[in-house]
Amino acid sequence: MPYRTLCSLCVVGLSLLVLAPTHTLSAAQGPTLTAGGPLAFGPDNVLFIADNGAAKIVALELGAEGAGDTPGTLDVPGIDRKIAALLGTDPSEIQIIDLAINPLSHNAFLSVSRGRGANATPVLLRIDGAGTIDVVSLSGVTYTELALPNAPASNPSARRNPRASSVTDMSFVDDQLFIAGLSSEEFSSKLRAVGYPFASIDSGTSVEIWHAAHGRFETHSPVYTFVPYEIGGEQNLIAGYLCTPLVKFPVTALQPGAKVMGTTIAELGSGNRPIDMVVYEKDGADYLLMSNTSHGVMKIPTSDFDTQPGLSEPVGGGDTAGVTFETIPQLTGIEQLDLLDDERIVVIARRDAGQADLEARALP
């Protein structure tokens, strides 16, 4: 998710349960990444990348690497094939994990995995306004590493390896990096707030939701994607879960060591996983745009986020409930998305032939 300048954020207290992170500053060899993960931009060409294999977050001070020769982002048809050719492999061995737009250069950055499984290699790529794809060299980049406390143990034989969900999404707002993911604790779903520059990290907040499609409370399902958004003068995180609850969490409730119940404001349909979210303004109204695996890109008005009562009853049969939405027919096959400017998004669109395209599209 991009760096957003939003209204003043209520500061989450970090004075309790503080643990010292493992952090390093270096410009000699650059960081070592064991796995690619979610991306988020902060100010001044700082790019945060999660390394779930090592259960850490790396803040890269990109400097000149933050911009290619041409500002902006140009459409790149068959970007997965072009990445594969650049990295000397087959397109089937390329997995695009996340997309983030640099708010300064407006270049697109991709977190990519070359290969799959234990032998996969993480690669960071930049696409500029001429459509040039470059591997971002981390050699000599100044960086800070932040180790996550209570990270889940790796279990490659599990249906979903918990370690791979140590960090599922990140967003930077007003000097803080918000982090969603899993922990090793009994209430394993976590939201964390970490000040930047990194100094310390606490055990995070355990979060619970009412999952209407499943008809039960859940504490183990991670937030897959989220955005910060102010509701009624109070900063919230709007979070998307598997099968597909939309939940709001007041930032002031995210205290270290606390257990917090979110408010489920929508059930968007079962058999589905959210992938990416952005919030934007159009014609004087705010909207949340969500890409997902099964139900098309959803455009969700935010006007009822404040007044929508929390769902508390089961919603079966794949039905929907709560805040309303529309599916955007011209946005099909969308996997990743991020804001390019006030009028456009950049998307990774998967076509019927399996090809992935990088495209700038008008906000609906």
Protein backbone atom coordinates (compact mmCIF):
# COMPACT_ATOMS: atom_id res chain seq x y z
CA MET A 1 0.00 0.00 0.00
CA PRO A 2 1.23 3.50 -0.73
CA TYR A 3 2.35 6.17 1.68
CA ARG A 4 -0.70 8.29 2.37
CA THR A 5 -0.88 11.69 3.97
CA LEU A 6 -4.03 11.42 6.03
CA CYS A 7 -5.38 13.39 8.94
CA SER A 8 -3.52 13.30 12.20
CA LEU A 9 -3.24 9.81 13.59
CA CYS A 10 -3.92 9.01 17.21
CA VAL A 11 -0.64 7.69 18.52
CA VAL A 12 -0.72 4.08 19.62
CA GLY A 13 1.05 3.64 22.93
CA LEU A 14 4.25 1.67 22.54
CA SER A 15 5.47 1.92 26.09
CA LEU A 16 4.06 -1.42 27.28
CA LEU A 17 5.46 -4.87 26.55
CA VAL A 18 8.27 -3.37 24.49
CA LEU A 19 10.75 -5.81 23.03
CA ALA A 20 14.07 -4.83 21.51
CA PRO A 21 14.14 -5.52 17.76
CA THR A 22 17.08 -6.83 15.84
CA HIS A 23 18.03 -3.90 13.66
CA THR A 24 21.03 -3.04 11.55
CA LEU A 25 22.09 0.00 9.59
CA SER A 26 24.41 -0.70 6.70
CA ALA A 27 25.39 0.65 3.31
CA ALA A 28 28.17 -1.82 2.62
CA GLN A 29 26.56 -5.02 1.41
CA GLY A 30 22.86 -4.27 1.72
CA PRO A 31 20.26 -6.55 3.31
CA THR A 32 19.77 -10.25 2.72
CA LEU A 33 16.19 -11.35 1.97
CA THR A 34 15.10 -14.96 2.30
CA ALA A 35 11.59 -14.45 0.87
CA GLY A 36 9.61 -11.78 -0.93
CA GLY A 37 6.62 -10.25 0.82
CA PRO A 38 4.27 -7.27 1.05
CA LEU A 39 5.52 -3.77 0.23
CA ALA A 40 4.67 -0.32 1.61
CA PHE A 41 6.21 3.08 0.91
CA GLY A 42 7.03 5.58 3.60
CA PRO A 43 8.42 9.10 3.17
CA ASP A 44 11.65 10.09 1.41
CA ASN A 45 12.00 7.00 -0.81
CA VAL A 46 11.83 4.55 2.10
CA LEU A 47 10.37 1.21 1.02
CA PHE A 48 9.32 -1.38 3.58
CA ILE A 49 9.47 -5.00 2.48
CA ALA A 50 8.40 -7.94 4.62
CA ASP A 51 10.60 -11.04 4.67
CA ASN A 52 8.27 -13.72 6.00
CA GLY A 53 10.88 -16.43 5.75
CA ALA A 54 13.00 -14.61 8.32
CA ALA A 55 10.01 -13.03 10.14
CA LYS A 56 11.38 -9.51 9.72
CA ILE A 57 10.68 -6.21 8.02
CA VAL A 58 13.38 -4.36 6.13
CA ALA A 59 13.22 -0.59 5.61
CA LEU A 60 15.19 0.29 2.47
CA GLU A 61 16.42 3.86 2.01
CA LEU A 62 16.29 3.63 -1.77
CA GLY A 63 17.82 6.98 -2.69
CA ALA A 64 18.58 6.93 -6.41
CA GLU A 65 17.11 3.42 -6.69
CA GLY A 66 13.70 4.93 -5.95
CA ALA A 67 13.39 6.29 -9.48
CA GLY A 68 14.14 4.99 -12.94
CA ASP A 69 15.13 7.20 -15.85
CA THR A 70 11.52 8.24 -16.52
CA PRO A 71 8.91 9.29 -13.94
CA GLY A 72 5.57 7.48 -13.89
CA THR A 73 4.56 3.96 -14.86
CA LEU A 74 3.92 2.74 -18.42
CA ASP A 75 1.70 -0.21 -19.36
CA VAL A 76 3.68 -3.42 -19.80
CA PRO A 77 1.74 -6.23 -21.53
CA GLY A 78 2.95 -9.70 -20.57
CA ILE A 79 4.93 -8.37 -17.64
CA ASP A 80 5.31 -11.86 -16.14
CA ARG A 81 6.92 -13.08 -19.38
CA LYS A 82 9.23 -10.08 -19.53
CA ILE A 83 10.24 -10.55 -15.88
CA ALA A 84 10.92 -14.23 -16.55
CA ALA A 85 13.14 -13.34 -19.53
CA LEU A 86 14.98 -10.75 -17.44
CA LEU A 87 15.59 -13.29 -14.66
CA GLY A 88 16.40 -16.18 -17.00
CA THR A 89 13.52 -18.48 -16.12
CA ASP A 90 10.08 -19.63 -17.28
CA PRO A 91 6.95 -17.48 -16.65
CA SER A 92 5.49 -20.35 -14.62
CA GLU A 93 8.34 -19.78 -12.13
CA ILE A 94 7.44 -16.12 -11.57
CA GLN A 95 5.11 -15.15 -8.73
CA ILE A 96 4.18 -11.46 -8.33
CA ILE A 97 3.61 -11.05 -4.60
CA ASP A 98 2.86 -7.34 -4.24
CA LEU A 99 2.74 -4.03 -6.10
CA ALA A 100 3.48 -0.58 -4.65
CA ILE A 101 3.71 2.81 -6.34
CA ASN A 102 6.47 5.18 -5.24
CA PRO A 103 4.64 8.41 -4.25
CA LEU A 104 7.63 10.51 -5.38
CA SER A 105 8.66 9.01 -8.73
CA HIS A 106 5.34 7.25 -9.43
CA ASN A 107 7.36 4.26 -10.61
CA ALA A 108 5.87 0.83 -9.87
CA PHE A 109 7.73 -1.56 -7.57
CA LEU A 110 7.07 -5.29 -7.57
CA SER A 111 7.93 -7.87 -4.93
CA VAL A 112 8.56 -11.01 -6.98
CA SER A 113 9.50 -14.60 -6.25
CA ARG A 114 11.72 -16.38 -8.80
CA GLY A 115 10.86 -20.03 -8.38
CA ARG A 116 8.51 -21.65 -5.90
CA GLY A 117 8.82 -23.40 -2.58
CA ALA A 118 12.00 -23.62 -0.54
CA ASN A 119 14.24 -22.73 -3.49
CA ALA A 120 12.45 -19.51 -4.41
CA THR A 121 14.53 -16.33 -4.62
CA PRO A 122 13.06 -12.90 -3.74
CA VAL A 123 13.60 -10.11 -6.27
CA LEU A 124 12.64 -6.43 -6.08
CA LEU A 125 11.79 -4.82 -9.44
CA ARG A 126 11.10 -1.27 -10.62
CA ILE A 127 9.06 -0.25 -13.69
CA ASP A 128 9.40 3.37 -14.84
CA GLY A 129 7.44 5.66 -17.16
CA ALA A 130 9.17 4.24 -20.23
CA GLY A 131 8.14 0.69 -19.30
CA THR A 132 11.72 -0.25 -18.42
CA ILE A 133 11.93 -3.14 -15.94
CA ASP A 134 14.99 -3.05 -13.68
CA VAL A 135 16.13 -5.26 -10.84
CA VAL A 136 16.62 -2.98 -7.84
CA SER A 137 20.12 -3.57 -6.52
CA LEU A 138 20.21 -3.79 -2.72
CA SER A 139 23.99 -3.70 -2.63
CA GLY A 140 25.07 -0.57 -0.82
CA VAL A 141 21.51 0.42 0.16
CA THR A 142 21.18 1.79 3.69
CA TYR A 143 18.58 -0.20 5.54
CA THR A 144 17.07 -1.05 8.91
CA GLU A 145 15.89 -4.53 9.91
CA LEU A 146 13.10 -5.13 12.42
CA ALA A 147 12.62 -8.66 13.78
CA LEU A 148 9.04 -9.63 14.59
CA PRO A 149 8.49 -10.99 18.11
CA ASN A 150 6.27 -14.06 18.58
CA ALA A 151 6.35 -14.95 14.88
CA PRO A 152 4.67 -18.26 13.95
CA ALA A 153 6.92 -21.27 13.41
CA SER A 154 7.38 -22.53 9.89
CA ASN A 155 5.30 -25.61 8.96
CA PRO A 156 5.72 -26.31 5.23
CA SER A 157 3.44 -29.36 5.45
CA ALA A 158 0.46 -27.27 6.63
CA ARG A 159 -2.29 -26.31 4.20
CA ARG A 160 -1.10 -22.73 4.67
CA ASN A 161 2.33 -22.35 6.22
CA PRO A 162 1.78 -19.98 9.19
CA ARG A 163 5.24 -18.43 8.78
CA ALA A 164 4.25 -17.24 5.30
CA SER A 165 1.56 -15.12 6.97
CA SER A 166 3.84 -13.46 9.54
CA VAL A 167 3.13 -10.27 7.59
CA THR A 168 0.13 -10.17 5.24
CA ASP A 169 -0.06 -6.40 4.62
CA MET A 170 1.49 -3.10 5.69
CA SER A 171 0.66 0.61 5.46
CA PHE A 172 2.58 3.69 6.59
CA VAL A 173 0.75 6.69 8.08
CA ASP A 174 2.08 9.65 10.08
CA ASP A 175 5.41 8.17 11.17
CA GLN A 176 4.02 4.72 11.95
CA LEU A 177 4.08 1.45 10.06
CA PHE A 178 0.94 -0.62 10.59
CA ILE A 179 1.47 -4.36 10.14
CA ALA A 180 -1.06 -7.19 9.83
CA GLY A 181 -0.26 -10.89 10.15
CA LEU A 182 -0.09 -13.92 12.40
CA SER A 183 1.78 -14.67 15.62
CA SER A 184 2.63 -17.78 17.63
CA GLU A 185 0.12 -16.84 20.36
CA GLU A 186 -3.23 -18.51 21.04
CA PHE A 187 -5.06 -15.45 19.66
CA SER A 188 -2.80 -15.50 16.64
CA SER A 189 -4.26 -12.76 14.40
CA LYS A 190 -2.24 -9.58 15.05
CA LEU A 191 -2.22 -5.89 14.23
CA ARG A 192 0.93 -3.95 15.13
CA ALA A 193 1.95 -0.28 15.08
CA VAL A 194 5.67 0.50 14.88
CA GLY A 195 7.25 3.93 14.86
CA TYR A 196 9.74 4.75 12.12
CA PRO A 197 12.72 5.16 12.30
CA PHE A 198 12.62 1.76 14.01
CA ALA A 199 13.53 1.71 17.69
CA SER A 200 11.37 -1.00 19.30
CA ILE A 201 8.44 -3.30 18.67
CA ASP A 202 5.90 -4.70 21.11
CA SER A 203 3.90 -7.92 21.08
CA GLY A 204 1.10 -6.28 19.09
CA THR A 205 -2.68 -6.39 19.49
CA SER A 206 -4.60 -9.67 19.17
CA VAL A 207 -7.75 -9.13 17.09
CA GLU A 208 -11.00 -11.07 16.99
CA ILE A 209 -13.90 -10.80 14.54
CA TRP A 210 -17.42 -12.12 14.00
CA HIS A 211 -17.18 -14.10 10.76
CA ALA A 212 -20.73 -14.05 9.43
CA ALA A 213 -20.18 -16.53 6.57
CA HIS A 214 -18.74 -19.05 9.04
CA GLY A 215 -21.23 -18.19 11.80
CA ARG A 216 -18.59 -17.94 14.52
CA PHE A 217 -16.01 -15.74 16.21
CA GLU A 218 -12.45 -16.11 14.89
CA THR A 219 -9.02 -15.22 16.25
CA HIS A 220 -6.76 -17.26 13.96
CA SER A 221 -7.60 -15.90 10.50
CA PRO A 222 -5.20 -13.10 9.50
CA VAL A 223 -6.10 -9.76 8.00
CA TYR A 224 -5.22 -10.23 4.32
CA THR A 225 -5.32 -6.57 3.32
CA PHE A 226 -6.24 -3.27 5.00
CA VAL A 227 -6.26 0.50 4.60
CA PRO A 228 -6.16 3.31 7.17
CA TYR A 229 -9.30 5.45 6.98
CA GLU A 230 -10.81 8.12 9.22
CA ILE A 231 -14.41 7.51 10.30
CA GLY A 232 -16.28 10.16 12.25
CA GLY A 233 -13.06 11.96 13.12
CA GLU A 234 -11.36 8.78 14.39
CA GLN A 235 -8.63 6.88 12.58
CA ASN A 236 -9.52 3.25 11.79
CA LEU A 237 -8.02 0.34 9.96
CA ILE A 238 -10.47 -1.19 7.45
CA ALA A 239 -9.53 -4.86 7.12
CA GLY A 240 -10.47 -7.61 4.67
CA TYR A 241 -10.55 -11.28 5.72
CA LEU A 242 -10.97 -14.62 3.99
CA CYS A 243 -14.58 -15.39 2.93
CA THR A 244 -14.98 -12.13 3.03
CA PRO A 245 -15.75 -10.04 6.16
CA LEU A 246 -14.97 -6.33 6.06
CA VAL A 247 -14.03 -5.17 9.55
CA LYS A 248 -13.13 -1.85 11.17
CA PHE A 249 -10.69 -1.42 14.07
CA PRO A 250 -10.25 1.96 15.83
CA VAL A 251 -6.53 2.72 15.99
CA THR A 252 -6.86 3.93 19.59
CA ALA A 253 -7.90 0.38 20.59
CA LEU A 254 -4.73 -1.19 19.21
CA GLN A 255 -2.80 -1.19 22.46
CA PRO A 256 0.17 -3.52 23.12
CA GLY A 257 -0.94 -6.85 24.58
CA ALA A 258 -4.65 -6.04 24.25
CA LYS A 259 -7.32 -8.31 22.75
CA VAL A 260 -9.69 -6.28 20.56
CA MET A 261 -12.98 -7.20 18.89
CA GLY A 262 -13.41 -5.57 15.48
CA THR A 263 -16.76 -4.43 14.08
CA THR A 264 -17.81 -6.48 11.06
CA ILE A 265 -19.48 -3.93 8.77
CA ALA A 266 -19.96 -6.21 5.75
CA GLU A 267 -20.00 -9.77 4.53
CA LEU A 268 -18.93 -9.61 0.88
CA GLY A 269 -19.48 -13.25 -0.11
CA SER A 270 -17.90 -16.57 0.82
CA GLY A 271 -15.42 -18.67 -1.16
CA ASN A 272 -13.23 -15.65 -1.68
CA ARG A 273 -9.98 -14.02 -0.54
CA PRO A 274 -9.29 -10.27 -0.64
CA ILE A 275 -5.99 -9.30 -2.28
CA ASP A 276 -5.57 -5.53 -2.27
CA MET A 277 -7.42 -2.35 -1.23
CA VAL A 278 -7.17 1.38 -1.88
CA VAL A 279 -9.33 4.31 -0.78
CA TYR A 280 -9.96 7.21 -3.15
CA GLU A 281 -12.21 10.21 -3.67
CA LYS A 282 -14.40 10.74 -6.73
CA ASP A 283 -17.16 13.30 -7.33
CA GLY A 284 -17.03 14.40 -3.71
CA ALA A 285 -17.43 10.91 -2.19
CA ASP A 286 -14.96 8.36 -0.82
CA TYR A 287 -14.80 4.77 -1.99
CA LEU A 288 -12.88 1.64 -1.07
CA LEU A 289 -11.75 -0.44 -4.05
CA MET A 290 -10.97 -4.10 -3.33
CA SER A 291 -9.48 -6.75 -5.62
CA ASN A 292 -10.19 -10.36 -4.67
CA THR A 293 -9.91 -13.88 -5.96
CA SER A 294 -13.52 -14.72 -6.86
CA HIS A 295 -16.03 -11.88 -6.97
CA GLY A 296 -14.46 -9.21 -9.18
CA VAL A 297 -13.21 -5.78 -8.13
CA MET A 298 -15.61 -4.28 -5.58
CA LYS A 299 -16.33 -0.54 -5.30
CA ILE A 300 -17.61 0.11 -1.77
CA PRO A 301 -18.95 3.53 -0.69
CA THR A 302 -17.54 4.53 2.69
CA SER A 303 -20.49 6.76 3.62
CA ASP A 304 -22.10 4.08 5.82
CA PHE A 305 -18.92 2.89 7.55
CA ASP A 306 -19.78 5.04 10.58
CA THR A 307 -23.45 4.07 10.97
CA GLN A 308 -23.47 0.42 9.85
CA PRO A 309 -24.27 -1.80 12.88
CA GLY A 310 -21.84 -4.63 13.44
CA LEU A 311 -23.04 -7.92 11.97
CA SER A 312 -23.82 -10.49 14.66
CA GLU A 313 -25.82 -13.22 12.90
CA PRO A 314 -24.70 -15.90 10.40
CA VAL A 315 -24.88 -15.06 6.70
CA GLY A 316 -25.05 -18.34 4.79
CA GLY A 317 -25.33 -19.52 1.22
CA GLY A 318 -22.74 -17.12 -0.13
CA ASP A 319 -25.06 -14.17 0.59
CA THR A 320 -23.87 -10.65 1.39
CA ALA A 321 -24.85 -8.28 4.20
CA GLY A 322 -23.93 -4.91 5.69
CA VAL A 323 -22.50 -2.04 3.65
CA THR A 324 -23.32 -2.27 -0.03
CA PHE A 325 -20.99 -2.52 -3.00
CA GLU A 326 -20.94 -2.82 -6.77
CA THR A 327 -18.74 -5.00 -8.95
CA ILE A 328 -16.84 -3.10 -11.66
CA PRO A 329 -17.27 -5.00 -14.96
CA GLN A 330 -14.40 -3.23 -16.74
CA LEU A 331 -11.92 -4.38 -14.08
CA THR A 332 -11.61 -8.12 -14.61
CA GLY A 333 -8.80 -10.46 -13.68
CA ILE A 334 -7.31 -7.87 -11.33
CA GLU A 335 -4.85 -9.26 -8.81
CA GLN A 336 -2.71 -6.42 -7.42
CA LEU A 337 -3.66 -2.73 -7.45
CA ASP A 338 -2.34 0.54 -6.07
CA LEU A 339 -3.04 4.25 -6.51
CA LEU A 340 -1.02 5.99 -9.20
CA ASP A 341 -2.56 9.45 -8.75
CA ASP A 342 -5.94 11.04 -7.98
CA GLU A 343 -7.50 9.64 -11.14
CA ARG A 344 -5.77 6.34 -11.89
CA ILE A 345 -4.70 3.04 -10.39
CA VAL A 346 -1.98 0.67 -11.53
CA VAL A 347 -3.09 -2.96 -11.69
CA ILE A 348 -1.72 -6.41 -12.39
CA ALA A 349 -4.39 -8.02 -14.57
CA ARG A 350 -4.37 -11.75 -15.34
CA ARG A 351 -5.76 -12.58 -18.79
CA ASP A 352 -7.55 -15.71 -19.98
CA ALA A 353 -4.36 -17.07 -21.52
CA GLY A 354 -2.65 -16.77 -18.14
CA GLN A 355 -0.59 -13.73 -19.12
CA ALA A 356 -0.17 -10.96 -16.54
CA ASP A 357 -0.29 -7.32 -17.70
CA LEU A 358 0.74 -4.16 -15.86
CA GLU A 359 -1.75 -1.41 -16.68
CA ALA A 360 -2.81 2.06 -15.58
CA ARG A 361 -6.60 2.26 -15.39
CA ALA A 362 -9.05 5.05 -14.58
CA LEU A 363 -10.56 4.96 -11.10
CA PRO A 364 -14.20 3.88 -11.46
